[in-house]
Amino acid sequence: MGFFIFGRHHLSMKKKQIGFELQIFEDGSELSQMEQKLLQQADTARLNAYAPYSNFKVGAAVLMENGEVVIGNNQENAAYPAGLCAERVAIFQAGARFPGVAIKCLAISAGSDGHALSEPAAPCGNCRQSIIEYEQKQTTSIPILLKAPKGPIYKCPSMKDILPLAFNSSFLGDS
């Protein structure tokens, strides 16, 4: 058995800093009328979520390039991991109903029946991967609006900002 010793002069380390800018609005008054309406639709979808186990309700509203709005909310069941998040319900429904139509914006509203959120909740990892797949497919960014029942509203210009080292089809050999 041999030993391999790393010396300072044998390795060259590169660093890459990853970050993004997030717009934070104290209320929705600075948002466009379209963004305000989309957030209201996400709020309504959140109120109708089926979350009897976590009591954490999420609603999503997707604005399509053709002007249609597709909503979704989280759907839980007793076989806990078999439920589906609001973002994926909305994104997948948008893809099924309007194939080939680009997504212009995604609004997400999250709240807990058990405690007040002090800031918006961002999508989980599975949802981030699903959303970025649609960004890659349509080759344009999807702006994301995040809000809680009270507090600030976050606006992110693209999912690739909050999922910077995303897995994509190039890893599978497809360019």
C-alpha atoms as a PDB file:
ATOM      1  CA  MET A   1       0.000   0.000   0.000  1.00  0.00           C
ATOM      2  CA  GLY A   2       1.444   3.341  -0.999  1.00  0.00           C
ATOM      3  CA  PHE A   3       0.805   6.884   0.096  1.00  0.00           C
ATOM      4  CA  PHE A   4       0.124   9.838  -2.120  1.00  0.00           C
ATOM      5  CA  ILE A   5       1.099  13.175  -0.649  1.00  0.00           C
ATOM      6  CA  PHE A   6      -0.428  16.355  -1.991  1.00  0.00           C
ATOM      7  CA  GLY A   7       1.934  19.279  -2.033  1.00  0.00           C
ATOM      8  CA  ARG A   8       0.986  22.905  -2.438  1.00  0.00           C
ATOM      9  CA  HIS A   9       2.727  23.207  -5.760  1.00  0.00           C
ATOM     10  CA  HIS A  10       1.054  20.088  -7.200  1.00  0.00           C
ATOM     11  CA  LEU A  11      -2.558  21.236  -6.965  1.00  0.00           C
ATOM     12  CA  SER A  12      -4.157  24.328  -8.331  1.00  0.00           C
ATOM     13  CA  MET A  13      -7.504  25.115  -6.762  1.00  0.00           C
ATOM     14  CA  LYS A  14     -10.028  27.263  -8.545  1.00  0.00           C
ATOM     15  CA  LYS A  15     -12.825  29.083  -6.803  1.00  0.00           C
ATOM     16  CA  LYS A  16     -16.137  30.135  -8.191  1.00  0.00           C
ATOM     17  CA  GLN A  17     -18.542  32.256  -6.207  1.00  0.00           C
ATOM     18  CA  ILE A  18     -22.194  31.732  -6.928  1.00  0.00           C
ATOM     19  CA  GLY A  19     -24.829  34.244  -5.925  1.00  0.00           C
ATOM     20  CA  PHE A  20     -27.875  36.075  -7.171  1.00  0.00           C
ATOM     21  CA  GLU A  21     -29.896  39.204  -6.646  1.00  0.00           C
ATOM     22  CA  LEU A  22     -33.332  38.999  -5.131  1.00  0.00           C
ATOM     23  CA  GLN A  23     -35.817  41.840  -5.271  1.00  0.00           C
ATOM     24  CA  ILE A  24     -37.698  42.291  -2.003  1.00  0.00           C
ATOM     25  CA  PHE A  25     -40.941  44.262  -1.941  1.00  0.00           C
ATOM     26  CA  GLU A  26     -42.550  45.275   1.363  1.00  0.00           C
ATOM     27  CA  ASP A  27     -45.967  44.934  -0.253  1.00  0.00           C
ATOM     28  CA  GLY A  28     -47.318  44.286  -3.714  1.00  0.00           C
ATOM     29  CA  SER A  29     -47.905  47.912  -4.680  1.00  0.00           C
ATOM     30  CA  GLU A  30     -44.645  48.125  -6.647  1.00  0.00           C
ATOM     31  CA  LEU A  31     -45.442  45.025  -8.694  1.00  0.00           C
ATOM     32  CA  SER A  32     -47.171  45.179 -12.064  1.00  0.00           C
ATOM     33  CA  GLN A  33     -50.943  44.664 -12.216  1.00  0.00           C
ATOM     34  CA  MET A  34     -50.310  41.281 -13.830  1.00  0.00           C
ATOM     35  CA  GLU A  35     -47.951  40.209 -11.021  1.00  0.00           C
ATOM     36  CA  GLN A  36     -50.413  41.361  -8.350  1.00  0.00           C
ATOM     37  CA  LYS A  37     -53.243  39.421  -9.999  1.00  0.00           C
ATOM     38  CA  LEU A  38     -51.065  36.315 -10.346  1.00  0.00           C
ATOM     39  CA  LEU A  39     -50.164  36.462  -6.637  1.00  0.00           C
ATOM     40  CA  GLN A  40     -53.870  36.768  -5.760  1.00  0.00           C
ATOM     41  CA  GLN A  41     -54.560  33.633  -7.799  1.00  0.00           C
ATOM     42  CA  ALA A  42     -51.732  31.827  -5.992  1.00  0.00           C
ATOM     43  CA  ASP A  43     -53.246  32.952  -2.661  1.00  0.00           C
ATOM     44  CA  THR A  44     -56.643  31.534  -3.636  1.00  0.00           C
ATOM     45  CA  ALA A  45     -55.059  28.271  -4.753  1.00  0.00           C
ATOM     46  CA  ARG A  46     -53.198  28.074  -1.397  1.00  0.00           C
ATOM     47  CA  LEU A  47     -56.435  28.412   0.550  1.00  0.00           C
ATOM     48  CA  ASN A  48     -57.816  25.383  -1.324  1.00  0.00           C
ATOM     49  CA  ALA A  49     -54.748  23.170  -0.810  1.00  0.00           C
ATOM     50  CA  TYR A  50     -55.205  19.712   0.670  1.00  0.00           C
ATOM     51  CA  ALA A  51     -52.661  19.578   3.500  1.00  0.00           C
ATOM     52  CA  PRO A  52     -54.227  17.739   6.459  1.00  0.00           C
ATOM     53  CA  TYR A  53     -50.901  16.238   7.596  1.00  0.00           C
ATOM     54  CA  SER A  54     -48.403  19.094   7.388  1.00  0.00           C
ATOM     55  CA  ASN A  55     -50.886  21.974   7.699  1.00  0.00           C
ATOM     56  CA  PHE A  56     -48.500  23.786   5.345  1.00  0.00           C
ATOM     57  CA  LYS A  57     -50.479  25.064   2.368  1.00  0.00           C
ATOM     58  CA  VAL A  58     -48.970  26.222  -0.901  1.00  0.00           C
ATOM     59  CA  GLY A  59     -50.634  27.670  -3.974  1.00  0.00           C
ATOM     60  CA  ALA A  60     -49.066  28.376  -7.343  1.00  0.00           C
ATOM     61  CA  ALA A  61     -50.233  30.314 -10.378  1.00  0.00           C
ATOM     62  CA  VAL A  62     -48.506  30.060 -13.745  1.00  0.00           C
ATOM     63  CA  LEU A  63     -48.999  32.769 -16.369  1.00  0.00           C
ATOM     64  CA  MET A  64     -48.674  31.383 -19.863  1.00  0.00           C
ATOM     65  CA  GLU A  65     -47.514  33.339 -22.905  1.00  0.00           C
ATOM     66  CA  ASN A  66     -51.005  32.963 -24.392  1.00  0.00           C
ATOM     67  CA  GLY A  67     -52.502  34.801 -21.384  1.00  0.00           C
ATOM     68  CA  GLU A  68     -53.935  31.696 -19.711  1.00  0.00           C
ATOM     69  CA  VAL A  69     -53.321  31.173 -15.990  1.00  0.00           C
ATOM     70  CA  VAL A  70     -52.892  27.671 -14.614  1.00  0.00           C
ATOM     71  CA  ILE A  71     -53.123  27.117 -10.865  1.00  0.00           C
ATOM     72  CA  GLY A  72     -52.021  24.341  -8.551  1.00  0.00           C
ATOM     73  CA  ASN A  73     -51.862  23.622  -4.849  1.00  0.00           C
ATOM     74  CA  ASN A  74     -50.171  21.003  -2.736  1.00  0.00           C
ATOM     75  CA  GLN A  75     -51.940  17.675  -2.496  1.00  0.00           C
ATOM     76  CA  GLU A  76     -51.019  15.449   0.460  1.00  0.00           C
ATOM     77  CA  ASN A  77     -52.096  11.961   1.391  1.00  0.00           C
ATOM     78  CA  ALA A  78     -51.475   9.453   4.163  1.00  0.00           C
ATOM     79  CA  ALA A  79     -48.641   7.857   2.154  1.00  0.00           C
ATOM     80  CA  TYR A  80     -46.693  11.069   2.824  1.00  0.00           C
ATOM     81  CA  PRO A  81     -44.097  11.057   0.054  1.00  0.00           C
ATOM     82  CA  ALA A  82     -46.746  10.322  -2.559  1.00  0.00           C
ATOM     83  CA  GLY A  83     -48.205  13.835  -2.382  1.00  0.00           C
ATOM     84  CA  LEU A  84     -47.331  16.573  -4.831  1.00  0.00           C
ATOM     85  CA  CYS A  85     -46.228  20.177  -4.354  1.00  0.00           C
ATOM     86  CA  ALA A  86     -48.244  23.110  -5.697  1.00  0.00           C
ATOM     87  CA  GLU A  87     -45.488  24.230  -8.033  1.00  0.00           C
ATOM     88  CA  ARG A  88     -45.284  20.886  -9.813  1.00  0.00           C
ATOM     89  CA  VAL A  89     -49.086  20.521  -9.956  1.00  0.00           C
ATOM     90  CA  ALA A  90     -49.250  23.896 -11.738  1.00  0.00           C
ATOM     91  CA  ILE A  91     -46.169  23.469 -13.962  1.00  0.00           C
ATOM     92  CA  PHE A  92     -47.107  19.952 -15.073  1.00  0.00           C
ATOM     93  CA  GLN A  93     -50.715  20.970 -15.717  1.00  0.00           C
ATOM     94  CA  ALA A  94     -49.464  23.954 -17.769  1.00  0.00           C
ATOM     95  CA  GLY A  95     -47.246  21.639 -19.820  1.00  0.00           C
ATOM     96  CA  ALA A  96     -50.096  19.203 -20.390  1.00  0.00           C
ATOM     97  CA  ARG A  97     -52.735  21.795 -21.259  1.00  0.00           C
ATOM     98  CA  PHE A  98     -50.546  24.142 -23.307  1.00  0.00           C
ATOM     99  CA  PRO A  99     -47.677  22.174 -24.866  1.00  0.00           C
ATOM    100  CA  GLY A 100     -45.205  24.439 -26.613  1.00  0.00           C
ATOM    101  CA  VAL A 101     -46.543  27.598 -24.938  1.00  0.00           C
ATOM    102  CA  ALA A 102     -43.926  29.406 -22.853  1.00  0.00           C
ATOM    103  CA  ILE A 103     -44.377  30.187 -19.181  1.00  0.00           C
ATOM    104  CA  LYS A 104     -44.080  33.930 -18.528  1.00  0.00           C
ATOM    105  CA  CYS A 105     -44.199  33.994 -14.715  1.00  0.00           C
ATOM    106  CA  LEU A 106     -44.759  31.757 -11.694  1.00  0.00           C
ATOM    107  CA  ALA A 107     -46.290  33.041  -8.454  1.00  0.00           C
ATOM    108  CA  ILE A 108     -46.089  30.972  -5.263  1.00  0.00           C
ATOM    109  CA  SER A 109     -47.956  31.632  -2.009  1.00  0.00           C
ATOM    110  CA  ALA A 110     -47.115  29.555   1.071  1.00  0.00           C
ATOM    111  CA  GLY A 111     -48.492  29.596   4.599  1.00  0.00           C
ATOM    112  CA  SER A 112     -48.791  27.412   7.658  1.00  0.00           C
ATOM    113  CA  ASP A 113     -51.882  26.810   9.732  1.00  0.00           C
ATOM    114  CA  GLY A 114     -49.579  26.188  12.705  1.00  0.00           C
ATOM    115  CA  HIS A 115     -47.432  29.321  12.707  1.00  0.00           C
ATOM    116  CA  ALA A 116     -46.992  32.612  10.873  1.00  0.00           C
ATOM    117  CA  LEU A 117     -44.231  32.764   8.295  1.00  0.00           C
ATOM    118  CA  SER A 118     -41.968  35.813   8.525  1.00  0.00           C
ATOM    119  CA  GLU A 119     -40.742  35.429   4.940  1.00  0.00           C
ATOM    120  CA  PRO A 120     -41.807  33.583   1.783  1.00  0.00           C
ATOM    121  CA  ALA A 121     -40.937  29.916   1.352  1.00  0.00           C
ATOM    122  CA  ALA A 122     -38.956  28.966  -1.748  1.00  0.00           C
ATOM    123  CA  PRO A 123     -39.703  25.839  -3.799  1.00  0.00           C
ATOM    124  CA  CYS A 124     -38.290  22.512  -2.636  1.00  0.00           C
ATOM    125  CA  GLY A 125     -35.497  20.808  -4.567  1.00  0.00           C
ATOM    126  CA  ASN A 126     -37.847  18.601  -6.616  1.00  0.00           C
ATOM    127  CA  CYS A 127     -39.863  21.635  -7.678  1.00  0.00           C
ATOM    128  CA  ARG A 128     -36.739  23.641  -8.509  1.00  0.00           C
ATOM    129  CA  GLN A 129     -35.568  20.851 -10.804  1.00  0.00           C
ATOM    130  CA  SER A 130     -38.970  20.653 -12.486  1.00  0.00           C
ATOM    131  CA  ILE A 131     -39.195  24.421 -12.994  1.00  0.00           C
ATOM    132  CA  ILE A 132     -35.675  24.697 -14.387  1.00  0.00           C
ATOM    133  CA  GLU A 133     -36.466  21.902 -16.836  1.00  0.00           C
ATOM    134  CA  TYR A 134     -39.243  24.070 -18.260  1.00  0.00           C
ATOM    135  CA  GLU A 135     -36.880  27.085 -18.407  1.00  0.00           C
ATOM    136  CA  GLN A 136     -34.368  24.990 -20.327  1.00  0.00           C
ATOM    137  CA  LYS A 137     -37.063  23.620 -22.637  1.00  0.00           C
ATOM    138  CA  GLN A 138     -38.420  27.061 -23.515  1.00  0.00           C
ATOM    139  CA  THR A 139     -34.933  28.704 -23.500  1.00  0.00           C
ATOM    140  CA  THR A 140     -36.230  31.732 -21.589  1.00  0.00           C
ATOM    141  CA  SER A 141     -36.209  32.539 -17.904  1.00  0.00           C
ATOM    142  CA  ILE A 142     -39.273  32.162 -15.731  1.00  0.00           C
ATOM    143  CA  PRO A 143     -39.536  34.992 -13.178  1.00  0.00           C
ATOM    144  CA  ILE A 144     -40.705  33.709  -9.783  1.00  0.00           C
ATOM    145  CA  LEU A 145     -42.756  35.613  -7.211  1.00  0.00           C
ATOM    146  CA  LEU A 146     -42.763  34.280  -3.642  1.00  0.00           C
ATOM    147  CA  LYS A 147     -45.010  35.391  -0.803  1.00  0.00           C
ATOM    148  CA  ALA A 148     -46.343  34.443   2.590  1.00  0.00           C
ATOM    149  CA  PRO A 149     -49.749  35.581   3.892  1.00  0.00           C
ATOM    150  CA  LYS A 150     -48.009  38.566   5.510  1.00  0.00           C
ATOM    151  CA  GLY A 151     -44.595  40.108   5.053  1.00  0.00           C
ATOM    152  CA  PRO A 152     -42.404  40.885   2.084  1.00  0.00           C
ATOM    153  CA  ILE A 153     -42.709  39.565  -1.463  1.00  0.00           C
ATOM    154  CA  TYR A 154     -39.624  38.156  -3.157  1.00  0.00           C
ATOM    155  CA  LYS A 155     -39.026  38.302  -6.889  1.00  0.00           C
ATOM    156  CA  CYS A 156     -36.355  36.201  -8.530  1.00  0.00           C
ATOM    157  CA  PRO A 157     -35.634  36.652 -12.254  1.00  0.00           C
ATOM    158  CA  SER A 158     -34.979  32.967 -12.992  1.00  0.00           C
ATOM    159  CA  MET A 159     -34.924  29.521 -11.399  1.00  0.00           C
ATOM    160  CA  LYS A 160     -31.287  29.148 -12.478  1.00  0.00           C
ATOM    161  CA  ASP A 161     -30.498  31.881  -9.928  1.00  0.00           C
ATOM    162  CA  ILE A 162     -31.704  29.738  -7.024  1.00  0.00           C
ATOM    163  CA  LEU A 163     -30.576  26.458  -8.591  1.00  0.00           C
ATOM    164  CA  PRO A 164     -27.218  27.497 -10.076  1.00  0.00           C
ATOM    165  CA  LEU A 165     -25.640  24.067 -10.637  1.00  0.00           C
ATOM    166  CA  ALA A 166     -28.745  22.476 -12.072  1.00  0.00           C
ATOM    167  CA  PHE A 167     -28.769  18.984 -13.515  1.00  0.00           C
ATOM    168  CA  ASN A 168     -29.813  19.085 -17.170  1.00  0.00           C
ATOM    169  CA  SER A 169     -30.010  16.948 -20.282  1.00  0.00           C
ATOM    170  CA  SER A 170     -26.379  17.672 -21.223  1.00  0.00           C
ATOM    171  CA  PHE A 171     -25.333  15.291 -18.422  1.00  0.00           C
ATOM    172  CA  LEU A 172     -27.280  12.565 -20.196  1.00  0.00           C
ATOM    173  CA  GLY A 173     -25.473  13.149 -23.480  1.00  0.00           C
ATOM    174  CA  ASP A 174     -28.244  15.251 -25.010  1.00  0.00           C
ATOM    175  CA  SER A 175     -27.136  18.766 -25.891  1.00  0.00           C
END
